[in-house]
Amino acid sequence: MFDPTRLEARQFLFDAWRKRRNSELLTPLEDMAARLIEQHTEFHALLSDPDRYADRDYLPEHGEINPFLHLMMHLSIEEQLSIGQPHGVREQFARLTLKYQSGHEAQHAMMECMVEMIVQAQRSGAGPDAAVYLSCLARQ
């Protein structure tokens, strides 16, 4: 199972963005990441400067959004949609896309449910529960 460190995950995003900017060949996953980065212009400068930002911490209690976590959550949702897992996620995404009139905004709503599922898993000491995720999606 692939279990990158924080730095490896961040380096993946830095590399994907560098390759996109330099018109280099990307793997399918790098291409997916680069397409997501293109939609987040607010992260372009940061992802163009790995020496400055690779080790930076982002503190939600200070109102900061972690751009790396944000993009990795998008990637997770893209992967869920590509394989149709958990069962029903594609239908919920289609419904949310109509509701928000944007696939990108639908993914942001889905992120809230991912966070809810992760928090519940941490509190219970169990693994992530797809039923919690799908139930949250249905309430969105």
Protein backbone atom coordinates (compact mmCIF):
# COMPACT_ATOMS: atom_id res chain seq x y z
CA MET A 1 0.00 0.00 0.00
CA PHE A 2 1.25 3.47 -0.85
CA ASP A 3 1.74 5.50 2.33
CA PRO A 4 3.76 8.63 1.55
CA THR A 5 5.24 10.85 4.19
CA ARG A 6 4.04 14.44 4.39
CA LEU A 7 7.09 15.59 2.45
CA GLU A 8 6.67 12.91 -0.24
CA ALA A 9 3.01 13.85 -0.75
CA ARG A 10 3.92 17.50 -1.01
CA GLN A 11 6.79 16.74 -3.37
CA PHE A 12 4.38 14.87 -5.62
CA LEU A 13 2.30 18.05 -5.97
CA PHE A 14 5.37 20.26 -6.49
CA ASP A 15 6.63 17.87 -9.18
CA ALA A 16 3.29 17.59 -10.95
CA TRP A 17 2.99 21.37 -11.10
CA ARG A 18 6.59 21.83 -12.29
CA LYS A 19 6.09 19.24 -15.01
CA ARG A 20 2.85 20.91 -16.16
CA ARG A 21 4.49 24.35 -16.30
CA ASN A 22 7.48 22.94 -18.23
CA SER A 23 5.32 20.85 -20.61
CA GLU A 24 6.99 17.65 -19.41
CA LEU A 25 5.43 14.21 -19.62
CA LEU A 26 3.19 13.46 -16.64
CA THR A 27 1.89 10.17 -15.29
CA PRO A 28 -1.93 9.90 -15.27
CA LEU A 29 -2.01 10.67 -11.54
CA GLU A 30 0.32 13.66 -11.97
CA ASP A 31 -1.90 14.90 -14.80
CA MET A 32 -4.95 14.63 -12.56
CA ALA A 33 -3.13 16.58 -9.84
CA ALA A 34 -1.95 19.22 -12.30
CA ARG A 35 -5.51 19.71 -13.60
CA LEU A 36 -6.69 20.25 -10.03
CA ILE A 37 -3.85 22.67 -9.36
CA GLU A 38 -4.79 24.62 -12.49
CA GLN A 39 -8.23 25.19 -10.94
CA HIS A 40 -6.63 26.60 -7.77
CA THR A 41 -4.78 29.68 -8.96
CA GLU A 42 -4.36 30.75 -5.35
CA PHE A 43 -1.88 27.87 -4.91
CA HIS A 44 0.22 28.42 -8.05
CA ALA A 45 2.93 30.59 -6.49
CA LEU A 46 3.21 28.30 -3.47
CA LEU A 47 3.54 25.17 -5.60
CA SER A 48 6.17 26.92 -7.72
CA ASP A 49 8.43 27.42 -4.68
CA PRO A 50 9.10 24.09 -2.93
CA ASP A 51 12.16 25.39 -1.08
CA ARG A 52 10.02 27.93 0.72
CA TYR A 53 6.81 25.93 1.30
CA ALA A 54 7.66 22.21 1.54
CA ASP A 55 7.98 22.27 5.34
CA ARG A 56 5.48 25.01 6.18
CA ASP A 57 2.72 24.17 8.66
CA TYR A 58 -0.83 25.43 8.14
CA LEU A 59 -2.88 25.97 11.27
CA PRO A 60 -6.66 25.92 10.94
CA GLU A 61 -6.96 27.66 14.31
CA HIS A 62 -5.29 30.64 12.61
CA GLY A 63 -7.75 30.48 9.71
CA GLU A 64 -5.24 28.88 7.36
CA ILE A 65 -6.15 26.40 4.66
CA ASN A 66 -3.59 23.67 4.07
CA PRO A 67 -3.23 23.76 0.27
CA PHE A 68 -1.59 20.33 0.18
CA LEU A 69 -4.38 18.69 2.17
CA HIS A 70 -6.98 20.51 0.08
CA LEU A 71 -5.50 19.23 -3.19
CA MET A 72 -5.00 15.71 -1.85
CA MET A 73 -8.65 15.61 -0.79
CA HIS A 74 -9.61 16.62 -4.33
CA LEU A 75 -7.40 13.79 -5.61
CA SER A 76 -9.08 11.34 -3.24
CA ILE A 77 -12.50 12.35 -4.51
CA GLU A 78 -11.35 12.10 -8.13
CA GLU A 79 -10.13 8.56 -7.41
CA GLN A 80 -13.43 7.66 -5.70
CA LEU A 81 -15.32 8.89 -8.74
CA SER A 82 -13.04 7.06 -11.20
CA ILE A 83 -13.58 3.69 -9.51
CA GLY A 84 -17.12 4.27 -8.23
CA GLN A 85 -16.21 3.58 -4.62
CA PRO A 86 -17.78 3.79 -2.20
CA HIS A 87 -20.89 2.56 -4.01
CA GLY A 88 -23.20 5.51 -4.62
CA VAL A 89 -20.51 8.20 -4.62
CA ARG A 90 -20.95 8.96 -8.33
CA GLU A 91 -24.67 9.53 -7.88
CA GLN A 92 -24.09 11.82 -4.92
CA PHE A 93 -21.47 13.75 -6.89
CA ALA A 94 -23.90 14.18 -9.82
CA ARG A 95 -26.61 15.43 -7.44
CA LEU A 96 -24.25 17.84 -5.70
CA THR A 97 -22.92 19.10 -9.03
CA LEU A 98 -26.48 20.03 -10.03
CA LYS A 99 -27.12 21.59 -6.63
CA TYR A 100 -23.96 23.73 -6.66
CA GLN A 101 -23.87 24.13 -10.46
CA SER A 102 -20.19 23.18 -10.33
CA GLY A 103 -18.33 19.91 -10.05
CA HIS A 104 -15.56 21.74 -8.24
CA GLU A 105 -17.94 23.15 -5.62
CA ALA A 106 -19.58 19.73 -5.32
CA GLN A 107 -16.17 18.32 -4.42
CA HIS A 108 -15.75 20.99 -1.77
CA ALA A 109 -19.03 19.86 -0.19
CA MET A 110 -17.79 16.28 -0.39
CA MET A 111 -14.62 17.29 1.44
CA GLU A 112 -16.69 18.36 4.42
CA CYS A 113 -18.12 14.84 4.54
CA MET A 114 -14.67 13.29 4.24
CA VAL A 115 -13.57 15.34 7.24
CA GLU A 116 -16.67 14.26 9.19
CA MET A 117 -15.92 10.61 8.41
CA ILE A 118 -12.27 10.96 9.43
CA VAL A 119 -13.10 12.75 12.68
CA GLN A 120 -15.63 10.05 13.60
CA ALA A 121 -13.08 7.35 12.81
CA GLN A 122 -10.48 9.04 15.01
CA ARG A 123 -12.94 9.42 17.88
CA SER A 124 -14.05 5.81 17.72
CA GLY A 125 -10.60 4.38 17.05
CA ALA A 126 -12.01 2.54 14.05
CA GLY A 127 -11.27 2.87 10.37
CA PRO A 128 -13.12 5.27 8.08
CA ASP A 129 -16.75 4.24 7.59
CA ALA A 130 -18.16 4.70 4.09
CA ALA A 131 -21.69 4.70 5.53
CA VAL A 132 -20.86 7.83 7.55
CA TYR A 133 -19.46 9.48 4.43
CA LEU A 134 -22.44 8.58 2.23
CA SER A 135 -24.94 9.61 4.91
CA CYS A 136 -23.26 13.00 5.15
CA LEU A 137 -23.26 13.36 1.36
CA ALA A 138 -27.00 12.65 1.30
CA ARG A 139 -27.55 15.52 3.77
CA GLN A 140 -25.56 18.02 1.71
